[in-house]
Amino acid sequence: MELVKGGRRAESATYTVDEVAVLLGISRGVAYQSVHDGEIPAKRIGRRWVISRAAFSAWLATSDNLPKAG
């Protein structure tokens, strides 16, 4: 998601679970289960889960056990 600030585009600092599912090539359900299980680093804000882009990149670079597609 891109935000517009002062006529310039700025990227959001977070991903949604749906965005992470697409990036990893897994289903939405598997992504939510992986977030719920703590496998994918995420924070709950109200009813939403958000994944920091920085934390996701670090996790992806060091993760040996990526969620299985499903």
Protein backbone atom coordinates (compact mmCIF):
# COMPACT_ATOMS: atom_id res chain seq x y z
CA MET A 1 0.00 0.00 0.00
CA GLU A 2 1.32 3.42 -0.87
CA LEU A 3 0.45 6.61 0.93
CA VAL A 4 0.51 10.03 -0.67
CA LYS A 5 2.21 12.74 1.37
CA GLY A 6 2.64 16.21 -0.01
CA GLY A 7 2.17 14.95 -3.55
CA ARG A 8 4.86 12.28 -3.06
CA ARG A 9 4.26 8.57 -2.62
CA ALA A 10 5.47 6.92 0.55
CA GLU A 11 5.34 3.19 1.25
CA SER A 12 3.54 1.91 4.29
CA ALA A 13 5.81 0.62 7.08
CA THR A 14 3.74 -2.54 7.36
CA TYR A 15 2.25 -5.36 5.34
CA THR A 16 -1.17 -6.89 5.79
CA VAL A 17 -1.52 -10.64 6.23
CA ASP A 18 -3.01 -10.80 2.73
CA GLU A 19 0.04 -9.03 1.27
CA VAL A 20 2.41 -11.40 3.08
CA ALA A 21 0.42 -14.39 1.76
CA VAL A 22 0.91 -13.14 -1.81
CA LEU A 23 4.61 -12.44 -1.24
CA LEU A 24 5.16 -15.96 0.13
CA GLY A 25 2.89 -17.69 -2.38
CA ILE A 26 0.71 -19.23 0.33
CA SER A 27 -3.01 -19.11 0.95
CA ARG A 28 -4.61 -16.45 3.10
CA GLY A 29 -5.64 -19.12 5.61
CA VAL A 30 -2.10 -20.48 5.95
CA ALA A 31 -0.78 -16.95 6.39
CA TYR A 32 -3.28 -16.18 9.17
CA GLN A 33 -2.53 -19.49 10.88
CA SER A 34 1.22 -18.80 10.68
CA VAL A 35 0.70 -15.34 12.19
CA HIS A 36 -1.53 -16.76 14.92
CA ASP A 37 1.05 -19.48 15.71
CA GLY A 38 3.84 -16.88 15.91
CA GLU A 39 5.62 -18.33 12.89
CA ILE A 40 5.37 -15.04 10.98
CA PRO A 41 6.27 -11.98 13.10
CA ALA A 42 3.18 -9.79 13.50
CA LYS A 43 1.45 -7.42 15.90
CA ARG A 44 -2.24 -7.22 16.61
CA ILE A 45 -3.69 -3.72 16.50
CA GLY A 46 -7.33 -3.85 17.46
CA ARG A 47 -8.80 -6.53 15.23
CA ARG A 48 -6.09 -6.21 12.56
CA TRP A 49 -2.78 -8.02 12.24
CA VAL A 50 0.10 -6.01 10.79
CA ILE A 51 3.57 -7.19 9.85
CA SER A 52 6.46 -4.73 9.96
CA ARG A 53 8.27 -4.65 6.61
CA ALA A 54 11.61 -4.56 8.44
CA ALA A 55 10.71 -7.48 10.74
CA PHE A 56 9.32 -9.48 7.80
CA SER A 57 12.48 -8.93 5.73
CA ALA A 58 14.71 -9.95 8.66
CA TRP A 59 12.54 -13.00 9.37
CA LEU A 60 12.55 -14.00 5.71
CA ALA A 61 16.35 -13.67 5.48
CA THR A 62 16.91 -15.92 8.50
CA SER A 63 13.93 -18.27 8.38
CA ASP A 64 14.60 -21.93 7.72
CA ASN A 65 11.00 -23.06 8.12
CA LEU A 66 8.76 -21.02 5.85
CA PRO A 67 5.04 -21.84 6.00
CA LYS A 68 3.95 -24.54 3.58
CA ALA A 69 1.62 -23.56 0.75
CA GLY A 70 -1.91 -24.69 1.22
